[in-house]
C-alpha atoms as a PDB file:
ATOM      1  CA  MET A   1       0.000   0.000   0.000  1.00  0.00           C
ATOM      2  CA  LEU A   2       2.790   2.423   0.912  1.00  0.00           C
ATOM      3  CA  LEU A   3       4.669   1.529  -2.262  1.00  0.00           C
ATOM      4  CA  ARG A   4       1.553   2.157  -4.340  1.00  0.00           C
ATOM      5  CA  SER A   5       1.028   5.622  -2.849  1.00  0.00           C
ATOM      6  CA  ILE A   6       4.681   6.489  -3.453  1.00  0.00           C
ATOM      7  CA  LEU A   7       4.471   5.354  -7.065  1.00  0.00           C
ATOM      8  CA  VAL A   8       1.264   7.301  -7.607  1.00  0.00           C
ATOM      9  CA  SER A   9       2.639  10.514  -6.095  1.00  0.00           C
ATOM     10  CA  LEU A  10       6.102  10.295  -7.700  1.00  0.00           C
ATOM     11  CA  PRO A  11       5.079  11.819 -11.075  1.00  0.00           C
ATOM     12  CA  LEU A  12       3.393  14.715  -9.280  1.00  0.00           C
ATOM     13  CA  VAL A  13       6.492  15.420  -7.219  1.00  0.00           C
ATOM     14  CA  LEU A  14       8.805  15.244 -10.236  1.00  0.00           C
ATOM     15  CA  THR A  15       6.691  17.561 -12.377  1.00  0.00           C
ATOM     16  CA  ALA A  16       6.485  20.092  -9.558  1.00  0.00           C
ATOM     17  CA  CYS A  17      10.273  20.440  -9.652  1.00  0.00           C
ATOM     18  CA  GLN A  18      10.459  21.323 -13.329  1.00  0.00           C
ATOM     19  CA  SER A  19      11.264  24.905 -14.164  1.00  0.00           C
ATOM     20  CA  THR A  20      10.062  26.951 -17.070  1.00  0.00           C
ATOM     21  CA  ALA A  21      13.363  28.610 -17.920  1.00  0.00           C
ATOM     22  CA  ALA A  22      13.217  31.225 -20.635  1.00  0.00           C
ATOM     23  CA  VAL A  23      14.816  30.327 -23.933  1.00  0.00           C
ATOM     24  CA  ARG A  24      17.543  32.601 -25.226  1.00  0.00           C
ATOM     25  CA  ALA A  25      17.936  32.757 -28.984  1.00  0.00           C
ATOM     26  CA  PRO A  26      20.908  34.349 -30.785  1.00  0.00           C
ATOM     27  CA  ALA A  27      19.993  37.698 -32.297  1.00  0.00           C
ATOM     28  CA  THR A  28      21.455  40.723 -34.053  1.00  0.00           C
ATOM     29  CA  VAL A  29      21.132  44.491 -33.739  1.00  0.00           C
ATOM     30  CA  ASP A  30      21.547  47.089 -36.478  1.00  0.00           C
ATOM     31  CA  LEU A  31      24.321  49.364 -35.239  1.00  0.00           C
ATOM     32  CA  GLY A  32      24.113  51.317 -38.503  1.00  0.00           C
ATOM     33  CA  ASP A  33      20.992  52.998 -37.136  1.00  0.00           C
ATOM     34  CA  SER A  34      22.043  55.961 -34.946  1.00  0.00           C
ATOM     35  CA  ASP A  35      19.177  55.570 -32.447  1.00  0.00           C
ATOM     36  CA  THR A  36      19.886  51.860 -32.000  1.00  0.00           C
ATOM     37  CA  ARG A  37      23.623  52.520 -31.634  1.00  0.00           C
ATOM     38  CA  ALA A  38      22.947  55.169 -28.962  1.00  0.00           C
ATOM     39  CA  ALA A  39      20.620  52.833 -27.031  1.00  0.00           C
ATOM     40  CA  VAL A  40      23.115  49.934 -27.202  1.00  0.00           C
ATOM     41  CA  THR A  41      25.960  52.225 -26.120  1.00  0.00           C
ATOM     42  CA  SER A  42      23.933  53.501 -23.158  1.00  0.00           C
ATOM     43  CA  ALA A  43      22.963  49.984 -22.023  1.00  0.00           C
ATOM     44  CA  LEU A  44      26.492  48.609 -22.345  1.00  0.00           C
ATOM     45  CA  ALA A  45      27.989  51.617 -20.535  1.00  0.00           C
ATOM     46  CA  LYS A  46      25.874  50.612 -17.541  1.00  0.00           C
ATOM     47  CA  ALA A  47      26.984  46.996 -17.966  1.00  0.00           C
ATOM     48  CA  VAL A  48      30.671  47.899 -17.730  1.00  0.00           C
ATOM     49  CA  GLY A  49      30.183  50.618 -15.113  1.00  0.00           C
ATOM     50  CA  LYS A  50      31.474  53.514 -17.211  1.00  0.00           C
ATOM     51  CA  ALA A  51      29.882  56.831 -18.089  1.00  0.00           C
ATOM     52  CA  ARG A  52      31.304  56.818 -21.629  1.00  0.00           C
ATOM     53  CA  ILE A  53      32.341  53.906 -23.808  1.00  0.00           C
ATOM     54  CA  GLU A  54      33.380  53.288 -27.382  1.00  0.00           C
ATOM     55  CA  LEU A  55      32.025  50.356 -29.356  1.00  0.00           C
ATOM     56  CA  GLY A  56      34.379  48.331 -31.513  1.00  0.00           C
ATOM     57  CA  ALA A  57      33.714  46.606 -34.808  1.00  0.00           C
ATOM     58  CA  SER A  58      30.624  44.419 -34.695  1.00  0.00           C
ATOM     59  CA  ASP A  59      28.665  42.013 -36.856  1.00  0.00           C
ATOM     60  CA  GLY A  60      25.511  42.823 -34.883  1.00  0.00           C
ATOM     61  CA  ALA A  61      25.497  39.452 -33.084  1.00  0.00           C
ATOM     62  CA  VAL A  62      28.541  40.245 -30.931  1.00  0.00           C
ATOM     63  CA  VAL A  63      29.163  43.792 -29.720  1.00  0.00           C
ATOM     64  CA  THR A  64      32.567  44.782 -28.355  1.00  0.00           C
ATOM     65  CA  VAL A  65      33.260  47.556 -25.852  1.00  0.00           C
ATOM     66  CA  LEU A  66      36.776  48.863 -26.380  1.00  0.00           C
ATOM     67  CA  PRO A  67      39.087  49.550 -23.438  1.00  0.00           C
ATOM     68  CA  PRO A  68      39.646  53.222 -22.616  1.00  0.00           C
ATOM     69  CA  PRO A  69      42.391  54.990 -24.564  1.00  0.00           C
ATOM     70  CA  LEU A  70      45.842  55.343 -23.052  1.00  0.00           C
ATOM     71  CA  GLY A  71      46.506  58.330 -20.821  1.00  0.00           C
ATOM     72  CA  PRO A  72      49.201  60.894 -21.615  1.00  0.00           C
ATOM     73  CA  HIS A  73      51.809  59.110 -19.461  1.00  0.00           C
ATOM     74  CA  GLU A  74      50.969  55.537 -20.481  1.00  0.00           C
ATOM     75  CA  THR A  75      52.855  53.536 -23.094  1.00  0.00           C
ATOM     76  CA  HIS A  76      50.759  50.342 -23.000  1.00  0.00           C
ATOM     77  CA  SER A  77      47.740  48.801 -21.334  1.00  0.00           C
ATOM     78  CA  THR A  78      46.701  45.297 -20.334  1.00  0.00           C
ATOM     79  CA  ALA A  79      43.008  46.189 -20.639  1.00  0.00           C
ATOM     80  CA  GLN A  80      41.053  43.892 -22.942  1.00  0.00           C
ATOM     81  CA  PRO A  81      37.885  44.557 -24.946  1.00  0.00           C
ATOM     82  CA  ILE A  82      34.652  43.306 -23.355  1.00  0.00           C
ATOM     83  CA  ARG A  83      32.417  41.228 -25.607  1.00  0.00           C
ATOM     84  CA  PHE A  84      28.648  40.913 -25.405  1.00  0.00           C
ATOM     85  CA  ASP A  85      26.521  38.345 -27.223  1.00  0.00           C
ATOM     86  CA  ILE A  86      23.149  39.666 -28.378  1.00  0.00           C
ATOM     87  CA  VAL A  87      20.153  37.433 -27.642  1.00  0.00           C
ATOM     88  CA  LEU A  88      16.365  37.510 -27.601  1.00  0.00           C
ATOM     89  CA  GLU A  89      14.581  36.249 -24.502  1.00  0.00           C
ATOM     90  CA  ASP A  90      10.793  36.456 -24.206  1.00  0.00           C
ATOM     91  CA  GLY A  91      10.771  39.169 -26.878  1.00  0.00           C
ATOM     92  CA  GLN A  92      13.319  41.303 -25.016  1.00  0.00           C
ATOM     93  CA  CYS A  93      16.713  42.169 -26.445  1.00  0.00           C
ATOM     94  CA  LEU A  94      19.558  41.329 -24.034  1.00  0.00           C
ATOM     95  CA  ALA A  95      23.337  41.642 -24.069  1.00  0.00           C
ATOM     96  CA  ILE A  96      25.126  38.714 -22.404  1.00  0.00           C
ATOM     97  CA  ARG A  97      28.554  39.682 -21.111  1.00  0.00           C
ATOM     98  CA  ARG A  98      30.872  36.841 -22.151  1.00  0.00           C
ATOM     99  CA  ASP A  99      33.255  36.914 -19.192  1.00  0.00           C
ATOM    100  CA  THR A 100      30.535  36.877 -16.506  1.00  0.00           C
ATOM    101  CA  GLN A 101      27.523  35.487 -18.432  1.00  0.00           C
ATOM    102  CA  ARG A 102      25.411  38.233 -16.835  1.00  0.00           C
ATOM    103  CA  ALA A 103      22.447  39.423 -18.883  1.00  0.00           C
ATOM    104  CA  TRP A 104      21.868  43.137 -19.405  1.00  0.00           C
ATOM    105  CA  PRO A 105      18.576  44.484 -20.781  1.00  0.00           C
ATOM    106  CA  MET A 106      18.784  46.927 -23.673  1.00  0.00           C
ATOM    107  CA  PRO A 107      15.671  49.125 -23.474  1.00  0.00           C
ATOM    108  CA  GLY A 108      14.699  50.759 -26.733  1.00  0.00           C
ATOM    109  CA  VAL A 109      16.729  48.267 -28.806  1.00  0.00           C
ATOM    110  CA  THR A 110      15.053  46.006 -31.361  1.00  0.00           C
ATOM    111  CA  CYS A 111      16.756  42.684 -32.059  1.00  0.00           C
ATOM    112  CA  ARG A 112      16.201  40.369 -34.961  1.00  0.00           C
ATOM    113  CA  PRO A 113      16.601  36.601 -34.638  1.00  0.00           C
ATOM    114  CA  LYS A 114      19.883  35.461 -36.126  1.00  0.00           C
END
């Protein structure tokens, strides 16, 4: 009897533990559009914690934030570019920082599925 009740309740317990994780799909943004470029720049500046950033070359699916330029007394820098993968999740355009895998929303940015 105990075994029967365990077997009957097991599927209910297992389905209760399932999550409904959102699906992230690769996407692209059109950085040729000045409004889109400004919105992406603003969102990624927040993501890297800087007031001003410069975007590097991009294919629209990966956006690169360049390191700051050298100061007047610097001859070299070990700073590396920061790369963000562009994805769509539940209709929202997100930038996923590659080194931390943290997702950053990009309000006002329209993504297209890749």
